């Protein structure tokens, strides 16, 4: 007698995309409200993930002390990640000051966490991210500051 055992093969995927891919700010020293020029929509899609898994989306900078770096050689000031705030789906602003699974220490934030159920083994969601730079009690020299905000998803059992 021959007994054949086949294990199921799952074509699993997890995709994250952002539109647009840039945000511009006009900064005013001492002001807590310096919003970006528009929201970024993060589309997260998954295919055939086993039920019971959790999808988590993180936003982060690679360095908490230099989220947005100066460009002028005469300037030595940078904007730390703790001054950059994100709002998910028009919720409250939260500073990017947490140590998360990716990025630098105290340079990120959990954006969402969702459990996959038997009904959602394939699915997706779109989340709107609004950005603000909080300069309350903080003074920056006139300059152009730039940096890269990264988004990464992770599936855990």
N, C-alpha and C. Protein backbone atom coordinates (compact mmCIF):
# COMPACT_ATOMS: atom_id res chain seq x y z
N UNK A 1 0.84 -1.15 0.00
CA UNK A 1 0.00 0.00 0.00
C UNK A 1 0.90 1.23 0.00
N UNK A 2 0.50 2.19 -0.78
CA UNK A 2 1.23 3.46 -0.87
C UNK A 2 0.32 4.54 -0.30
N UNK A 3 0.85 5.27 0.62
CA UNK A 3 0.10 6.38 1.21
C UNK A 3 0.79 7.68 0.81
N UNK A 4 0.04 8.52 0.19
CA UNK A 4 0.58 9.82 -0.24
C UNK A 4 -0.03 10.90 0.63
N UNK A 5 0.81 11.72 1.17
CA UNK A 5 0.35 12.85 1.98
C UNK A 5 0.79 14.12 1.27
N UNK A 6 -0.17 14.96 1.01
CA UNK A 6 0.14 16.24 0.36
C UNK A 6 -0.14 17.37 1.34
N UNK A 7 0.79 18.26 1.44
CA UNK A 7 0.54 19.43 2.28
C UNK A 7 0.14 20.59 1.38
N UNK A 8 -0.76 21.41 1.85
CA UNK A 8 -1.21 22.51 1.01
C UNK A 8 -0.09 23.51 0.77
N UNK A 9 -0.08 24.09 -0.39
CA UNK A 9 0.88 25.13 -0.73
C UNK A 9 0.10 26.43 -0.85
N UNK A 10 0.54 27.42 -0.11
CA UNK A 10 -0.13 28.71 -0.13
C UNK A 10 0.74 29.73 -0.85
N UNK A 11 0.14 30.42 -1.79
CA UNK A 11 0.83 31.52 -2.46
C UNK A 11 0.51 32.78 -1.65
N UNK A 12 1.35 33.07 -0.69
CA UNK A 12 1.10 34.18 0.21
C UNK A 12 1.80 35.44 -0.29
N UNK A 13 1.14 36.57 -0.07
CA UNK A 13 1.79 37.83 -0.41
C UNK A 13 1.28 38.93 0.51
N UNK A 14 2.12 39.92 0.71
CA UNK A 14 1.79 41.10 1.49
C UNK A 14 2.43 42.28 0.77
N UNK A 15 1.62 43.27 0.40
CA UNK A 15 2.10 44.40 -0.39
C UNK A 15 1.69 45.71 0.28
N UNK A 16 2.61 46.67 0.28
CA UNK A 16 2.34 48.00 0.81
C UNK A 16 2.76 49.02 -0.25
N UNK A 17 1.87 49.99 -0.52
CA UNK A 17 2.23 51.07 -1.46
C UNK A 17 1.75 52.40 -0.89
N UNK A 18 2.46 53.47 -1.23
CA UNK A 18 2.15 54.81 -0.74
C UNK A 18 1.92 55.76 -1.91
N UNK A 19 0.90 56.62 -1.78
CA UNK A 19 0.62 57.64 -2.80
C UNK A 19 0.14 58.89 -2.07
N UNK A 20 0.70 60.06 -2.31
CA UNK A 20 1.91 60.33 -3.07
C UNK A 20 3.14 59.89 -2.28
N UNK A 21 4.30 60.07 -2.89
CA UNK A 21 5.52 59.61 -2.23
C UNK A 21 6.33 60.75 -1.62
N UNK A 22 5.73 61.94 -1.49
CA UNK A 22 6.43 63.07 -0.87
C UNK A 22 5.43 63.99 -0.18
N UNK A 23 5.89 64.62 0.91
CA UNK A 23 5.10 65.60 1.64
C UNK A 23 6.01 66.81 1.87
N UNK A 24 5.45 68.01 1.69
CA UNK A 24 6.20 69.24 1.87
C UNK A 24 5.61 70.02 3.04
N UNK A 25 6.48 70.68 3.81
CA UNK A 25 6.07 71.46 4.97
C UNK A 25 6.55 72.89 4.84
N UNK A 26 5.79 73.83 5.35
CA UNK A 26 6.23 75.20 5.56
C UNK A 26 6.31 75.36 7.06
N UNK A 27 7.52 75.56 7.58
CA UNK A 27 7.74 75.55 9.02
C UNK A 27 7.75 76.94 9.63
N UNK A 28 7.16 77.05 10.82
CA UNK A 28 7.19 78.28 11.61
C UNK A 28 7.74 77.92 12.99
N UNK A 29 8.87 78.52 13.34
CA UNK A 29 9.50 78.26 14.64
C UNK A 29 8.53 78.54 15.78
N UNK A 30 8.56 77.68 16.79
CA UNK A 30 7.75 77.86 17.97
C UNK A 30 6.31 77.40 17.84
N UNK A 31 5.88 77.03 16.66
CA UNK A 31 4.48 76.61 16.45
C UNK A 31 4.36 75.10 16.54
N UNK A 32 3.29 74.64 17.19
CA UNK A 32 3.06 73.19 17.29
C UNK A 32 2.40 72.65 16.03
N UNK A 33 1.80 73.52 15.24
CA UNK A 33 1.09 73.08 14.03
C UNK A 33 1.82 73.52 12.77
N UNK A 34 2.48 72.57 12.15
CA UNK A 34 3.14 72.75 10.86
C UNK A 34 2.78 71.55 9.99
N UNK A 35 1.51 71.51 9.51
CA UNK A 35 1.05 70.32 8.79
C UNK A 35 1.68 70.19 7.41
N UNK A 36 1.75 68.97 6.95
CA UNK A 36 2.22 68.70 5.60
C UNK A 36 1.19 69.19 4.58
N UNK A 37 1.61 69.25 3.33
CA UNK A 37 0.74 69.78 2.27
C UNK A 37 -0.32 68.79 1.79
N UNK A 38 -0.37 67.62 2.35
CA UNK A 38 -1.40 66.65 1.99
C UNK A 38 -1.16 65.31 2.66
N UNK A 39 -2.19 64.50 2.64
CA UNK A 39 -2.11 63.18 3.26
C UNK A 39 -1.43 62.18 2.31
N UNK A 40 -0.89 61.14 2.88
CA UNK A 40 -0.34 60.01 2.13
C UNK A 40 -1.25 58.83 2.37
N UNK A 41 -1.71 58.19 1.32
CA UNK A 41 -2.56 57.01 1.45
C UNK A 41 -1.67 55.77 1.36
N UNK A 42 -1.76 54.94 2.40
CA UNK A 42 -1.02 53.68 2.44
C UNK A 42 -2.00 52.56 2.14
N UNK A 43 -1.77 51.87 1.04
CA UNK A 43 -2.61 50.72 0.67
C UNK A 43 -1.86 49.45 1.06
N UNK A 44 -2.49 48.63 1.89
CA UNK A 44 -1.91 47.36 2.34
C UNK A 44 -2.82 46.25 1.85
N UNK A 45 -2.26 45.31 1.11
CA UNK A 45 -3.04 44.17 0.61
C UNK A 45 -2.33 42.88 0.97
N UNK A 46 -3.13 41.84 1.19
CA UNK A 46 -2.57 40.53 1.50
C UNK A 46 -3.39 39.46 0.81
N UNK A 47 -2.74 38.33 0.56
CA UNK A 47 -3.37 37.23 -0.15
C UNK A 47 -3.04 35.92 0.56
N UNK A 48 -4.07 35.21 0.96
CA UNK A 48 -3.97 33.87 1.52
C UNK A 48 -3.07 33.75 2.75
N UNK A 49 -3.21 34.69 3.65
CA UNK A 49 -2.50 34.55 4.92
C UNK A 49 -3.32 33.65 5.82
N UNK A 50 -2.70 32.78 6.58
CA UNK A 50 -3.45 31.90 7.49
C UNK A 50 -4.19 32.72 8.55
N UNK A 51 -5.40 32.28 8.87
CA UNK A 51 -6.17 32.93 9.93
C UNK A 51 -5.40 32.87 11.24
N UNK A 52 -5.58 33.86 12.07
CA UNK A 52 -4.89 33.91 13.35
C UNK A 52 -3.60 34.71 13.31
N UNK A 53 -3.13 35.07 12.14
CA UNK A 53 -1.93 35.89 12.02
C UNK A 53 -2.30 37.35 12.27
N UNK A 54 -1.33 38.16 12.60
CA UNK A 54 -1.54 39.58 12.79
C UNK A 54 -0.68 40.35 11.79
N UNK A 55 -1.31 41.27 11.08
CA UNK A 55 -0.59 42.17 10.17
C UNK A 55 -0.37 43.48 10.93
N UNK A 56 0.86 43.92 11.00
CA UNK A 56 1.19 45.18 11.65
C UNK A 56 1.92 46.07 10.65
N UNK A 57 1.57 47.34 10.64
CA UNK A 57 2.22 48.30 9.76
C UNK A 57 2.94 49.33 10.62
N UNK A 58 4.22 49.51 10.33
CA UNK A 58 5.05 50.43 11.09
C UNK A 58 5.54 51.56 10.19
N UNK A 59 5.62 52.77 10.75
CA UNK A 59 6.26 53.90 10.09
C UNK A 59 7.48 54.26 10.91
N UNK A 60 8.58 54.62 10.25
CA UNK A 60 9.81 54.87 11.01
C UNK A 60 10.84 55.65 10.21
N UNK A 61 11.78 56.21 10.93
CA UNK A 61 12.99 56.82 10.36
C UNK A 61 14.16 55.94 10.78
N UNK A 62 15.26 56.01 10.05
CA UNK A 62 16.41 55.18 10.39
C UNK A 62 17.19 55.73 11.59
N UNK A 63 17.01 57.03 11.90
CA UNK A 63 17.74 57.64 13.01
C UNK A 63 16.82 58.62 13.72
N UNK A 64 16.58 58.40 15.00
CA UNK A 64 15.68 59.25 15.76
C UNK A 64 16.18 60.68 15.94
N UNK A 65 17.48 60.88 15.97
CA UNK A 65 18.01 62.23 16.17
C UNK A 65 18.07 63.04 14.89
N UNK A 66 18.00 62.37 13.76
CA UNK A 66 18.10 63.05 12.46
C UNK A 66 17.05 62.51 11.50
N UNK A 67 15.78 62.71 11.83
CA UNK A 67 14.72 62.28 10.92
C UNK A 67 14.76 63.12 9.65
N UNK A 68 14.88 64.43 9.84
CA UNK A 68 14.97 65.36 8.71
C UNK A 68 16.27 66.15 8.89
N UNK A 69 17.19 65.99 7.96
CA UNK A 69 18.52 66.56 8.08
C UNK A 69 18.63 67.90 7.36
N UNK A 70 19.45 68.78 7.91
CA UNK A 70 19.73 70.08 7.29
C UNK A 70 20.51 69.86 5.99
N UNK A 71 20.48 70.86 5.11
CA UNK A 71 21.24 70.76 3.86
C UNK A 71 22.36 71.80 3.77
N UNK A 72 22.23 72.90 4.49
CA UNK A 72 23.25 73.94 4.45
C UNK A 72 24.46 73.53 5.29
N UNK A 73 25.67 73.66 4.74
CA UNK A 73 26.87 73.31 5.52
C UNK A 73 27.04 74.19 6.77
N UNK A 74 26.47 75.39 6.76
CA UNK A 74 26.60 76.29 7.91
C UNK A 74 25.64 75.93 9.04
N UNK A 75 24.67 75.08 8.78
CA UNK A 75 23.66 74.69 9.76
C UNK A 75 24.03 73.33 10.35
N UNK A 76 23.90 73.18 11.64
CA UNK A 76 24.16 71.89 12.28
C UNK A 76 22.91 71.32 12.94
N UNK A 77 21.77 72.00 12.79
CA UNK A 77 20.52 71.54 13.41
C UNK A 77 19.77 70.59 12.49
N UNK A 78 19.16 69.59 13.10
CA UNK A 78 18.31 68.64 12.39
C UNK A 78 16.97 68.56 13.10
N UNK A 79 15.99 67.95 12.45
CA UNK A 79 14.69 67.74 13.06
C UNK A 79 14.63 66.28 13.53
N UNK A 80 14.52 66.06 14.85
CA UNK A 80 14.45 64.68 15.34
C UNK A 80 13.07 64.07 15.08
N UNK A 81 13.01 62.76 15.07
CA UNK A 81 11.74 62.06 14.82
C UNK A 81 10.68 62.38 15.87
N UNK A 82 11.10 62.74 17.07
CA UNK A 82 10.14 63.07 18.12
C UNK A 82 9.36 64.35 17.81
N UNK A 83 9.84 65.16 16.86
CA UNK A 83 9.16 66.38 16.43
C UNK A 83 8.23 66.12 15.24
N UNK A 84 8.37 64.96 14.61
CA UNK A 84 7.53 64.60 13.47
C UNK A 84 6.35 63.78 14.00
N UNK A 85 5.16 64.21 13.65
CA UNK A 85 3.95 63.54 14.13
C UNK A 85 3.17 62.97 12.95
N UNK A 86 2.46 61.88 13.21
CA UNK A 86 1.62 61.26 12.19
C UNK A 86 0.23 61.04 12.78
N UNK A 87 -0.77 61.24 11.93
CA UNK A 87 -2.16 60.98 12.28
C UNK A 87 -2.66 59.90 11.32
N UNK A 88 -3.24 58.84 11.86
CA UNK A 88 -3.77 57.76 11.02
C UNK A 88 -5.28 57.92 10.92
N UNK A 89 -5.76 58.06 9.69
CA UNK A 89 -7.20 58.19 9.41
C UNK A 89 -7.84 59.32 10.24
N UNK A 90 -7.18 60.48 10.26
CA UNK A 90 -7.65 61.69 10.94
C UNK A 90 -7.74 61.53 12.46
N UNK A 91 -7.03 60.57 13.01
CA UNK A 91 -6.97 60.42 14.46
C UNK A 91 -6.01 61.43 15.06
N UNK A 92 -5.74 61.29 16.33
CA UNK A 92 -4.83 62.19 17.03
C UNK A 92 -3.41 62.04 16.50
N UNK A 93 -2.67 63.15 16.49
CA UNK A 93 -1.26 63.10 16.10
C UNK A 93 -0.47 62.34 17.15
N UNK A 94 0.47 61.54 16.69
CA UNK A 94 1.38 60.83 17.57
C UNK A 94 2.80 61.00 17.06
N UNK A 95 3.71 61.33 17.95
CA UNK A 95 5.11 61.52 17.56
C UNK A 95 5.73 60.19 17.15
N UNK A 96 6.68 60.27 16.25
CA UNK A 96 7.43 59.08 15.82
C UNK A 96 8.60 58.91 16.79
N UNK A 97 8.27 58.52 18.02
CA UNK A 97 9.26 58.45 19.09
C UNK A 97 9.29 57.11 19.80
N UNK A 98 8.71 56.10 19.17
CA UNK A 98 8.69 54.77 19.76
C UNK A 98 9.77 53.89 19.12
N UNK A 99 10.27 52.94 19.88
CA UNK A 99 11.17 51.94 19.31
C UNK A 99 10.29 50.79 18.84
N UNK A 100 10.31 50.57 17.53
CA UNK A 100 9.46 49.54 16.92
C UNK A 100 10.33 48.49 16.24
N UNK A 101 9.70 47.55 15.57
CA UNK A 101 10.41 46.41 14.97
C UNK A 101 11.44 46.82 13.92
N UNK A 102 11.30 48.01 13.36
CA UNK A 102 12.20 48.47 12.30
C UNK A 102 12.71 49.87 12.62
N UNK A 103 13.79 50.28 11.99
CA UNK A 103 14.29 51.64 12.14
C UNK A 103 15.13 51.85 13.37
N UNK A 104 15.43 53.11 13.62
CA UNK A 104 16.27 53.47 14.75
C UNK A 104 15.51 53.47 16.06
N UNK A 105 16.27 53.51 17.14
CA UNK A 105 15.67 53.57 18.48
C UNK A 105 14.88 54.87 18.62
N UNK A 106 13.70 54.79 19.19
CA UNK A 106 12.83 55.95 19.42
C UNK A 106 12.60 56.74 18.13
N UNK A 107 12.38 56.03 17.02
CA UNK A 107 12.24 56.70 15.72
C UNK A 107 11.04 56.21 14.92
N UNK A 108 10.06 55.56 15.55
CA UNK A 108 8.95 55.02 14.77
C UNK A 108 7.65 55.00 15.52
N UNK A 109 6.68 54.34 14.91
CA UNK A 109 5.35 54.23 15.49
C UNK A 109 4.60 53.09 14.81
N UNK A 110 3.82 52.35 15.58
CA UNK A 110 2.91 51.35 15.03
C UNK A 110 1.74 52.11 14.41
N UNK A 111 1.47 51.88 13.13
CA UNK A 111 0.39 52.60 12.44
C UNK A 111 -0.93 51.84 12.51
N UNK A 112 -0.88 50.52 12.38
CA UNK A 112 -2.06 49.70 12.62
C UNK A 112 -1.65 48.27 12.87
N UNK A 113 -2.57 47.54 13.46
CA UNK A 113 -2.39 46.11 13.71
C UNK A 113 -3.75 45.46 13.49
N UNK A 114 -3.79 44.40 12.67
CA UNK A 114 -5.06 43.76 12.33
C UNK A 114 -4.88 42.25 12.34
N UNK A 115 -5.80 41.57 13.01
CA UNK A 115 -5.78 40.11 13.05
C UNK A 115 -6.49 39.59 11.80
N UNK A 116 -5.88 38.60 11.15
CA UNK A 116 -6.47 37.95 9.99
C UNK A 116 -7.42 36.87 10.49
N UNK A 117 -8.65 36.89 10.01
CA UNK A 117 -9.65 35.89 10.40
C UNK A 117 -9.91 34.97 9.21
N UNK A 118 -10.73 33.96 9.42
CA UNK A 118 -11.08 33.05 8.33
C UNK A 118 -11.76 33.79 7.18
N UNK A 119 -12.42 34.89 7.49
CA UNK A 119 -13.09 35.69 6.46
C UNK A 119 -12.19 36.71 5.79
N UNK A 120 -11.02 36.94 6.36
CA UNK A 120 -10.13 37.97 5.80
C UNK A 120 -8.75 37.43 5.46
N UNK A 121 -8.66 36.16 5.04
CA UNK A 121 -7.35 35.61 4.67
C UNK A 121 -6.81 36.29 3.42
N UNK A 122 -7.67 36.91 2.64
CA UNK A 122 -7.27 37.77 1.53
C UNK A 122 -8.01 39.08 1.75
N UNK A 123 -7.32 40.17 1.59
CA UNK A 123 -7.99 41.44 1.81
C UNK A 123 -7.06 42.62 1.65
N UNK A 124 -7.53 43.74 2.10
CA UNK A 124 -6.74 44.95 2.00
C UNK A 124 -7.38 46.08 2.77
N UNK A 125 -6.62 47.14 2.89
CA UNK A 125 -7.12 48.33 3.56
C UNK A 125 -6.33 49.53 3.06
N UNK A 126 -6.94 50.69 3.12
CA UNK A 126 -6.28 51.93 2.76
C UNK A 126 -6.36 52.86 3.97
N UNK A 127 -5.23 53.37 4.39
CA UNK A 127 -5.16 54.26 5.54
C UNK A 127 -4.54 55.58 5.12
N UNK A 128 -5.11 56.66 5.62
CA UNK A 128 -4.63 58.00 5.31
C UNK A 128 -3.71 58.48 6.43
N UNK A 129 -2.49 58.89 6.05
CA UNK A 129 -1.52 59.41 7.01
C UNK A 129 -1.37 60.91 6.82
N UNK A 130 -1.64 61.65 7.88
CA UNK A 130 -1.39 63.09 7.87
C UNK A 130 -0.15 63.36 8.71
N UNK A 131 0.68 64.27 8.24
CA UNK A 131 1.94 64.55 8.93
C UNK A 131 1.97 65.98 9.46
N UNK A 132 2.65 66.17 10.58
CA UNK A 132 2.83 67.47 11.20
C UNK A 132 4.22 67.52 11.82
N UNK A 133 4.83 68.70 11.80
CA UNK A 133 6.09 68.89 12.51
C UNK A 133 5.82 69.86 13.65
N UNK A 134 6.00 69.38 14.86
CA UNK A 134 5.71 70.15 16.07
C UNK A 134 6.98 70.87 16.51
N UNK A 135 6.98 72.20 16.35
CA UNK A 135 8.14 72.99 16.73
C UNK A 135 7.87 73.85 17.97
N UNK A 136 6.90 73.46 18.78
CA UNK A 136 6.63 74.18 20.03
C UNK A 136 7.88 74.16 20.90
N UNK A 137 8.38 75.33 21.26
CA UNK A 137 9.59 75.41 22.09
C UNK A 137 10.86 74.99 21.37
N UNK A 138 10.83 75.01 20.06
CA UNK A 138 11.97 74.52 19.27
C UNK A 138 12.25 75.54 18.17
N UNK A 139 13.50 75.91 18.01
CA UNK A 139 13.89 76.88 16.99
C UNK A 139 14.86 76.24 16.01
N UNK A 140 14.58 76.45 14.73
CA UNK A 140 15.44 75.92 13.67
C UNK A 140 15.97 77.07 12.81
N UNK A 141 17.21 77.00 12.38
CA UNK A 141 17.69 77.97 11.41
C UNK A 141 16.99 77.79 10.07
N UNK A 142 16.88 78.86 9.31
CA UNK A 142 16.30 78.76 7.97
C UNK A 142 17.16 77.82 7.13
N UNK A 143 16.53 76.86 6.51
CA UNK A 143 17.25 75.84 5.73
C UNK A 143 16.21 74.96 5.05
N UNK A 144 16.68 74.08 4.24
CA UNK A 144 15.84 73.02 3.67
C UNK A 144 16.22 71.74 4.41
N UNK A 145 15.19 71.06 4.94
CA UNK A 145 15.41 69.84 5.70
C UNK A 145 14.77 68.69 4.93
N UNK A 146 15.44 67.56 4.87
CA UNK A 146 14.89 66.43 4.13
C UNK A 146 15.20 65.11 4.80
N UNK A 147 14.35 64.14 4.55
CA UNK A 147 14.56 62.82 5.11
C UNK A 147 13.62 61.82 4.48
N UNK A 148 13.80 60.57 4.83
CA UNK A 148 12.99 59.48 4.28
C UNK A 148 12.22 58.79 5.40
N UNK A 149 10.90 58.86 5.28
CA UNK A 149 10.00 58.14 6.18
C UNK A 149 9.72 56.80 5.53
N UNK A 150 9.93 55.72 6.24
CA UNK A 150 9.74 54.39 5.70
C UNK A 150 8.51 53.73 6.32
N UNK A 151 7.87 52.88 5.54
CA UNK A 151 6.72 52.11 6.01
C UNK A 151 7.00 50.66 5.70
N UNK A 152 6.74 49.80 6.69
CA UNK A 152 7.00 48.38 6.51
C UNK A 152 5.96 47.56 7.25
N UNK A 153 5.49 46.52 6.61
CA UNK A 153 4.49 45.63 7.20
C UNK A 153 5.16 44.34 7.66
N UNK A 154 4.56 43.73 8.67
CA UNK A 154 5.08 42.47 9.20
C UNK A 154 3.91 41.59 9.59
N UNK A 155 4.03 40.30 9.32
CA UNK A 155 3.04 39.32 9.71
C UNK A 155 3.64 38.47 10.81
N UNK A 156 2.88 38.33 11.91
CA UNK A 156 3.35 37.49 13.02
C UNK A 156 2.29 36.46 13.37
N UNK A 157 2.74 35.34 13.92
CA UNK A 157 1.78 34.30 14.31
C UNK A 157 0.89 34.73 15.46
